[in-house]
């Protein structure tokens, strides 16, 4: 039985990356062509995206003390 090796393009450099056959969503890897940190986001079809070092946060996690006035410092001069 011949098993095919999954291949997916790197979202950073566009080069095709040969992947291991037992992929799982969420697995992280490094592009051998450009060293981008990538993550498997889909299996069928195989799709890669940039891996984020920190997990995504909920809207409730944002700093409630931040407002648009923090950007207006130069307008007062």
PDB file of N, CA and C in Angstrom:
ATOM      1  N   UNK A   1       0.848  -1.176   0.000  1.00  0.00           N
ATOM      2  CA  UNK A   1       0.000   0.000   0.000  1.00  0.00           C
ATOM      3  C   UNK A   1       0.901   1.249   0.000  1.00  0.00           C
ATOM      4  N   UNK A   2       0.645   2.164  -0.880  1.00  0.00           N
ATOM      5  CA  UNK A   2       1.414   3.391  -0.976  1.00  0.00           C
ATOM      6  C   UNK A   2       0.627   4.508  -0.304  1.00  0.00           C
ATOM      7  N   UNK A   3       1.250   5.133   0.685  1.00  0.00           N
ATOM      8  CA  UNK A   3       0.565   6.238   1.346  1.00  0.00           C
ATOM      9  C   UNK A   3       1.122   7.550   0.806  1.00  0.00           C
ATOM     10  N   UNK A   4       0.246   8.475   0.563  1.00  0.00           N
ATOM     11  CA  UNK A   4       0.696   9.764   0.046  1.00  0.00           C
ATOM     12  C   UNK A   4       1.099  10.665   1.207  1.00  0.00           C
ATOM     13  N   UNK A   5       2.102  11.469   0.958  1.00  0.00           N
ATOM     14  CA  UNK A   5       2.591  12.402   1.964  1.00  0.00           C
ATOM     15  C   UNK A   5       1.825  13.716   1.780  1.00  0.00           C
ATOM     16  N   UNK A   6       1.174  14.217   2.829  1.00  0.00           N
ATOM     17  CA  UNK A   6       0.459  15.477   2.697  1.00  0.00           C
ATOM     18  C   UNK A   6       1.430  16.622   2.388  1.00  0.00           C
ATOM     19  N   UNK A   7       1.004  17.514   1.526  1.00  0.00           N
ATOM     20  CA  UNK A   7       1.796  18.675   1.147  1.00  0.00           C
ATOM     21  C   UNK A   7       0.907  19.900   1.275  1.00  0.00           C
ATOM     22  N   UNK A   8       1.479  20.977   1.811  1.00  0.00           N
ATOM     23  CA  UNK A   8       0.736  22.236   1.944  1.00  0.00           C
ATOM     24  C   UNK A   8       1.694  23.393   1.715  1.00  0.00           C
ATOM     25  N   UNK A   9       1.195  24.486   1.143  1.00  0.00           N
ATOM     26  CA  UNK A   9       2.063  25.647   0.948  1.00  0.00           C
ATOM     27  C   UNK A   9       2.243  26.437   2.240  1.00  0.00           C
ATOM     28  N   UNK A  10       3.424  26.979   2.408  1.00  0.00           N
ATOM     29  CA  UNK A  10       3.694  27.865   3.553  1.00  0.00           C
ATOM     30  C   UNK A  10       2.977  29.189   3.292  1.00  0.00           C
ATOM     31  N   UNK A  11       2.220  29.712   4.260  1.00  0.00           N
ATOM     32  CA  UNK A  11       1.539  30.990   4.053  1.00  0.00           C
ATOM     33  C   UNK A  11       2.499  32.178   3.998  1.00  0.00           C
ATOM     34  N   UNK A  12       3.736  31.969   4.425  1.00  0.00           N
ATOM     35  CA  UNK A  12       4.710  33.056   4.442  1.00  0.00           C
ATOM     36  C   UNK A  12       5.495  33.134   3.136  1.00  0.00           C
ATOM     37  N   UNK A  13       6.100  32.015   2.719  1.00  0.00           N
ATOM     38  CA  UNK A  13       6.961  32.043   1.529  1.00  0.00           C
ATOM     39  C   UNK A  13       6.338  31.379   0.310  1.00  0.00           C
ATOM     40  N   UNK A  14       5.252  30.608   0.508  1.00  0.00           N
ATOM     41  CA  UNK A  14       4.576  29.968  -0.610  1.00  0.00           C
ATOM     42  C   UNK A  14       5.175  28.643  -1.050  1.00  0.00           C
ATOM     43  N   UNK A  15       6.296  28.242  -0.486  1.00  0.00           N
ATOM     44  CA  UNK A  15       6.934  26.976  -0.848  1.00  0.00           C
ATOM     45  C   UNK A  15       6.111  25.807  -0.300  1.00  0.00           C
ATOM     46  N   UNK A  16       6.092  24.711  -1.046  1.00  0.00           N
ATOM     47  CA  UNK A  16       5.367  23.520  -0.594  1.00  0.00           C
ATOM     48  C   UNK A  16       6.167  22.807   0.488  1.00  0.00           C
ATOM     49  N   UNK A  17       5.458  22.373   1.520  1.00  0.00           N
ATOM     50  CA  UNK A  17       6.067  21.677   2.649  1.00  0.00           C
ATOM     51  C   UNK A  17       5.498  20.265   2.692  1.00  0.00           C
ATOM     52  N   UNK A  18       6.372  19.267   2.697  1.00  0.00           N
ATOM     53  CA  UNK A  18       5.938  17.885   2.874  1.00  0.00           C
ATOM     54  C   UNK A  18       5.745  17.652   4.362  1.00  0.00           C
ATOM     55  N   UNK A  19       4.590  17.109   4.720  1.00  0.00           N
ATOM     56  CA  UNK A  19       4.222  16.920   6.123  1.00  0.00           C
ATOM     57  C   UNK A  19       4.136  15.437   6.451  1.00  0.00           C
ATOM     58  N   UNK A  20       4.101  15.114   7.714  1.00  0.00           N
ATOM     59  CA  UNK A  20       3.984  13.727   8.135  1.00  0.00           C
ATOM     60  C   UNK A  20       2.532  13.291   7.980  1.00  0.00           C
ATOM     61  N   UNK A  21       2.335  11.991   7.722  1.00  0.00           N
ATOM     62  CA  UNK A  21       0.991  11.494   7.389  1.00  0.00           C
ATOM     63  C   UNK A  21      -0.043  11.591   8.516  1.00  0.00           C
ATOM     64  N   UNK A  22       0.368  11.566   9.760  1.00  0.00           N
ATOM     65  CA  UNK A  22      -0.593  11.550  10.869  1.00  0.00           C
ATOM     66  C   UNK A  22      -0.741  12.942  11.480  1.00  0.00           C
ATOM     67  N   UNK A  23      -1.144  13.885  10.669  1.00  0.00           N
ATOM     68  CA  UNK A  23      -1.315  15.265  11.131  1.00  0.00           C
ATOM     69  C   UNK A  23      -2.523  15.405  12.033  1.00  0.00           C
ATOM     70  N   UNK A  24      -2.445  16.376  12.931  1.00  0.00           N
ATOM     71  CA  UNK A  24      -3.571  16.735  13.783  1.00  0.00           C
ATOM     72  C   UNK A  24      -3.713  18.254  13.751  1.00  0.00           C
ATOM     73  N   UNK A  25      -4.934  18.732  13.780  1.00  0.00           N
ATOM     74  CA  UNK A  25      -5.164  20.171  13.861  1.00  0.00           C
ATOM     75  C   UNK A  25      -4.534  20.682  15.149  1.00  0.00           C
ATOM     76  N   UNK A  26      -3.821  21.779  15.046  1.00  0.00           N
ATOM     77  CA  UNK A  26      -3.173  22.370  16.205  1.00  0.00           C
ATOM     78  C   UNK A  26      -1.688  22.047  16.308  1.00  0.00           C
ATOM     79  N   UNK A  27      -1.226  21.086  15.517  1.00  0.00           N
ATOM     80  CA  UNK A  27       0.209  20.766  15.541  1.00  0.00           C
ATOM     81  C   UNK A  27       0.995  21.945  14.991  1.00  0.00           C
ATOM     82  N   UNK A  28       2.141  22.195  15.599  1.00  0.00           N
ATOM     83  CA  UNK A  28       2.980  23.303  15.170  1.00  0.00           C
ATOM     84  C   UNK A  28       4.226  22.768  14.488  1.00  0.00           C
ATOM     85  N   UNK A  29       4.738  23.547  13.519  1.00  0.00           N
ATOM     86  CA  UNK A  29       5.937  23.175  12.797  1.00  0.00           C
ATOM     87  C   UNK A  29       6.636  24.435  12.313  1.00  0.00           C
ATOM     88  N   UNK A  30       7.833  24.259  11.819  1.00  0.00           N
ATOM     89  CA  UNK A  30       8.615  25.377  11.288  1.00  0.00           C
ATOM     90  C   UNK A  30       8.833  25.114   9.803  1.00  0.00           C
ATOM     91  N   UNK A  31       8.594  26.122   8.969  1.00  0.00           N
ATOM     92  CA  UNK A  31       8.821  25.990   7.537  1.00  0.00           C
ATOM     93  C   UNK A  31      10.318  25.773   7.297  1.00  0.00           C
ATOM     94  N   UNK A  32      10.675  24.717   6.564  1.00  0.00           N
ATOM     95  CA  UNK A  32      12.092  24.466   6.299  1.00  0.00           C
ATOM     96  C   UNK A  32      12.703  25.462   5.310  1.00  0.00           C
ATOM     97  N   UNK A  33      11.873  26.245   4.640  1.00  0.00           N
ATOM     98  CA  UNK A  33      12.350  27.191   3.637  1.00  0.00           C
ATOM     99  C   UNK A  33      12.579  28.590   4.202  1.00  0.00           C
ATOM    100  N   UNK A  34      11.676  29.053   5.081  1.00  0.00           N
ATOM    101  CA  UNK A  34      11.777  30.436   5.572  1.00  0.00           C
ATOM    102  C   UNK A  34      11.768  30.545   7.096  1.00  0.00           C
ATOM    103  N   UNK A  35      11.695  29.422   7.801  1.00  0.00           N
ATOM    104  CA  UNK A  35      11.703  29.369   9.272  1.00  0.00           C
ATOM    105  C   UNK A  35      10.486  30.015   9.931  1.00  0.00           C
ATOM    106  N   UNK A  36       9.384  30.147   9.214  1.00  0.00           N
ATOM    107  CA  UNK A  36       8.158  30.685   9.807  1.00  0.00           C
ATOM    108  C   UNK A  36       7.566  29.655  10.765  1.00  0.00           C
ATOM    109  N   UNK A  37       7.040  30.129  11.900  1.00  0.00           N
ATOM    110  CA  UNK A  37       6.346  29.262  12.852  1.00  0.00           C
ATOM    111  C   UNK A  37       4.927  29.063  12.347  1.00  0.00           C
ATOM    112  N   UNK A  38       4.564  27.812  12.078  1.00  0.00           N
ATOM    113  CA  UNK A  38       3.280  27.497  11.470  1.00  0.00           C
ATOM    114  C   UNK A  38       2.482  26.530  12.333  1.00  0.00           C
ATOM    115  N   UNK A  39       1.185  26.472  12.032  1.00  0.00           N
ATOM    116  CA  UNK A  39       0.275  25.583  12.745  1.00  0.00           C
ATOM    117  C   UNK A  39      -0.674  24.953  11.735  1.00  0.00           C
ATOM    118  N   UNK A  40      -1.011  23.680  11.938  1.00  0.00           N
ATOM    119  CA  UNK A  40      -1.980  22.999  11.097  1.00  0.00           C
ATOM    120  C   UNK A  40      -3.371  23.469  11.524  1.00  0.00           C
ATOM    121  N   UNK A  41      -4.117  24.080  10.589  1.00  0.00           N
ATOM    122  CA  UNK A  41      -5.451  24.581  10.920  1.00  0.00           C
ATOM    123  C   UNK A  41      -6.556  23.768  10.266  1.00  0.00           C
ATOM    124  N   UNK A  42      -6.197  22.913   9.307  1.00  0.00           N
ATOM    125  CA  UNK A  42      -7.174  22.061   8.639  1.00  0.00           C
ATOM    126  C   UNK A  42      -6.467  20.807   8.137  1.00  0.00           C
ATOM    127  N   UNK A  43      -7.179  19.684   8.142  1.00  0.00           N
ATOM    128  CA  UNK A  43      -6.617  18.418   7.690  1.00  0.00           C
ATOM    129  C   UNK A  43      -7.088  18.070   6.282  1.00  0.00           C
ATOM    130  N   UNK A  44      -8.329  18.319   5.966  1.00  0.00           N
ATOM    131  CA  UNK A  44      -8.871  17.936   4.662  1.00  0.00           C
ATOM    132  C   UNK A  44      -9.617  19.106   4.052  1.00  0.00           C
ATOM    133  N   UNK A  45      -8.956  19.920   3.262  1.00  0.00           N
ATOM    134  CA  UNK A  45      -7.584  19.814   2.784  1.00  0.00           C
ATOM    135  C   UNK A  45      -6.595  20.308   3.842  1.00  0.00           C
ATOM    136  N   UNK A  46      -5.347  19.901   3.709  1.00  0.00           N
ATOM    137  CA  UNK A  46      -4.317  20.331   4.655  1.00  0.00           C
ATOM    138  C   UNK A  46      -4.069  21.822   4.440  1.00  0.00           C
ATOM    139  N   UNK A  47      -4.156  22.576   5.528  1.00  0.00           N
ATOM    140  CA  UNK A  47      -3.940  24.025   5.462  1.00  0.00           C
ATOM    141  C   UNK A  47      -3.094  24.459   6.650  1.00  0.00           C
ATOM    142  N   UNK A  48      -2.127  25.323   6.375  1.00  0.00           N
ATOM    143  CA  UNK A  48      -1.254  25.855   7.410  1.00  0.00           C
ATOM    144  C   UNK A  48      -1.508  27.345   7.572  1.00  0.00           C
ATOM    145  N   UNK A  49      -1.282  27.837   8.779  1.00  0.00           N
ATOM    146  CA  UNK A  49      -1.376  29.265   9.059  1.00  0.00           C
ATOM    147  C   UNK A  49      -0.256  29.595  10.038  1.00  0.00           C
ATOM    148  N   UNK A  50      -0.017  30.881  10.237  1.00  0.00           N
ATOM    149  CA  UNK A  50       1.020  31.282  11.174  1.00  0.00           C
ATOM    150  C   UNK A  50       0.615  30.870  12.580  1.00  0.00           C
ATOM    151  N   UNK A  51       1.555  30.340  13.334  1.00  0.00           N
ATOM    152  CA  UNK A  51       1.314  29.958  14.725  1.00  0.00           C
ATOM    153  C   UNK A  51       1.505  31.198  15.587  1.00  0.00           C
ATOM    154  N   UNK A  52       0.590  31.416  16.483  1.00  0.00           N
ATOM    155  CA  UNK A  52       0.678  32.557  17.388  1.00  0.00           C
ATOM    156  C   UNK A  52       1.270  32.083  18.702  1.00  0.00           C
ATOM    157  N   UNK A  53       2.198  32.843  19.220  1.00  0.00           N
ATOM    158  CA  UNK A  53       2.892  32.428  20.431  1.00  0.00           C
ATOM    159  C   UNK A  53       2.009  32.503  21.659  1.00  0.00           C
ATOM    160  N   UNK A  54       1.042  33.409  21.646  1.00  0.00           N
ATOM    161  CA  UNK A  54       0.124  33.542  22.768  1.00  0.00           C
ATOM    162  C   UNK A  54      -1.267  33.136  22.305  1.00  0.00           C
ATOM    163  N   UNK A  55      -2.033  32.468  23.151  1.00  0.00           N
ATOM    164  CA  UNK A  55      -3.387  32.094  22.753  1.00  0.00           C
ATOM    165  C   UNK A  55      -4.263  33.332  22.583  1.00  0.00           C
ATOM    166  N   UNK A  56      -5.239  33.207  21.710  1.00  0.00           N
ATOM    167  CA  UNK A  56      -6.169  34.312  21.493  1.00  0.00           C
ATOM    168  C   UNK A  56      -6.928  34.597  22.787  1.00  0.00           C
ATOM    169  N   UNK A  57      -7.275  35.852  22.999  1.00  0.00           N
ATOM    170  CA  UNK A  57      -7.982  36.226  24.221  1.00  0.00           C
ATOM    171  C   UNK A  57      -9.423  36.564  23.909  1.00  0.00           C
ATOM    172  N   UNK A  58     -10.246  36.443  24.916  1.00  0.00           N
ATOM    173  CA  UNK A  58     -11.635  36.869  24.782  1.00  0.00           C
ATOM    174  C   UNK A  58     -11.694  38.381  24.862  1.00  0.00           C
ATOM    175  N   UNK A  59     -12.790  38.949  24.375  1.00  0.00           N
ATOM    176  CA  UNK A  59     -12.941  40.404  24.459  1.00  0.00           C
ATOM    177  C   UNK A  59     -12.928  40.876  25.905  1.00  0.00           C
ATOM    178  N   UNK A  60     -13.366  40.018  26.833  1.00  0.00           N
ATOM    179  CA  UNK A  60     -13.400  40.395  28.245  1.00  0.00           C
ATOM    180  C   UNK A  60     -12.007  40.536  28.839  1.00  0.00           C
ATOM    181  N   UNK A  61     -10.993  39.974  28.163  1.00  0.00           N
ATOM    182  CA  UNK A  61      -9.629  40.042  28.674  1.00  0.00           C
ATOM    183  C   UNK A  61      -8.936  41.359  28.356  1.00  0.00           C
ATOM    184  N   UNK A  62      -9.512  42.185  27.514  1.00  0.00           N
ATOM    185  CA  UNK A  62      -8.881  43.445  27.141  1.00  0.00           C
ATOM    186  C   UNK A  62      -8.867  44.395  28.327  1.00  0.00           C
ATOM    187  N   UNK A  63      -7.885  45.249  28.368  1.00  0.00           N
ATOM    188  CA  UNK A  63      -7.727  46.220  29.447  1.00  0.00           C
ATOM    189  C   UNK A  63      -8.863  47.239  29.383  1.00  0.00           C
ATOM    190  N   UNK A  64      -9.707  47.251  30.387  1.00  0.00           N
ATOM    191  CA  UNK A  64     -10.855  48.160  30.405  1.00  0.00           C
ATOM    192  C   UNK A  64     -10.442  49.609  30.612  1.00  0.00           C
ATOM    193  N   UNK A  65      -9.216  49.849  31.086  1.00  0.00           N
ATOM    194  CA  UNK A  65      -8.770  51.218  31.328  1.00  0.00           C
ATOM    195  C   UNK A  65      -8.309  51.909  30.048  1.00  0.00           C
ATOM    196  N   UNK A  66      -8.159  51.194  28.967  1.00  0.00           N
ATOM    197  CA  UNK A  66      -7.672  51.748  27.706  1.00  0.00           C
ATOM    198  C   UNK A  66      -8.826  52.436  26.987  1.00  0.00           C
ATOM    199  N   UNK A  67      -8.577  53.638  26.518  1.00  0.00           N
ATOM    200  CA  UNK A  67      -9.592  54.322  25.728  1.00  0.00           C
ATOM    201  C   UNK A  67      -8.915  55.169  24.650  1.00  0.00           C
ATOM    202  N   UNK A  68      -9.711  55.758  23.791  1.00  0.00           N
ATOM    203  CA  UNK A  68      -9.175  56.542  22.671  1.00  0.00           C
ATOM    204  C   UNK A  68      -8.427  57.781  23.134  1.00  0.00           C
ATOM    205  N   UNK A  69      -8.708  58.282  24.325  1.00  0.00           N
ATOM    206  CA  UNK A  69      -8.028  59.476  24.819  1.00  0.00           C
ATOM    207  C   UNK A  69      -6.526  59.241  24.994  1.00  0.00           C
ATOM    208  N   UNK A  70      -6.114  57.962  25.149  1.00  0.00           N
ATOM    209  CA  UNK A  70      -4.694  57.660  25.298  1.00  0.00           C
ATOM    210  C   UNK A  70      -3.928  57.985  24.022  1.00  0.00           C
ATOM    211  N   UNK A  71      -4.585  58.079  22.893  1.00  0.00           N
ATOM    212  CA  UNK A  71      -3.945  58.388  21.622  1.00  0.00           C
ATOM    213  C   UNK A  71      -3.945  59.891  21.321  1.00  0.00           C
ATOM    214  N   UNK A  72      -4.699  60.662  22.077  1.00  0.00           N
ATOM    215  CA  UNK A  72      -4.892  62.074  21.779  1.00  0.00           C
ATOM    216  C   UNK A  72      -3.905  62.998  22.470  1.00  0.00           C
ATOM    217  N   UNK A  73      -2.786  62.508  22.957  1.00  0.00           N
ATOM    218  CA  UNK A  73      -1.845  63.329  23.689  1.00  0.00           C
ATOM    219  C   UNK A  73      -1.266  64.463  22.835  1.00  0.00           C
ATOM    220  N   UNK A  74      -1.008  64.235  21.548  1.00  0.00           N
ATOM    221  CA  UNK A  74      -0.392  65.239  20.693  1.00  0.00           C
ATOM    222  C   UNK A  74      -1.371  66.328  20.262  1.00  0.00           C
ATOM    223  N   UNK A  75      -2.659  66.067  20.315  1.00  0.00           N
ATOM    224  CA  UNK A  75      -3.639  67.037  19.845  1.00  0.00           C
ATOM    225  C   UNK A  75      -3.785  68.213  20.800  1.00  0.00           C
ATOM    226  N   UNK A  76      -3.416  68.052  22.065  1.00  0.00           N
ATOM    227  CA  UNK A  76      -3.571  69.127  23.050  1.00  0.00           C
ATOM    228  C   UNK A  76      -2.519  70.209  22.901  1.00  0.00           C
ATOM    229  N   UNK A  77      -1.445  69.917  22.184  1.00  0.00           N
ATOM    230  CA  UNK A  77      -0.336  70.878  22.070  1.00  0.00           C
ATOM    231  C   UNK A  77      -0.588  71.908  21.007  1.00  0.00           C
TER     232      UNK A  77
END
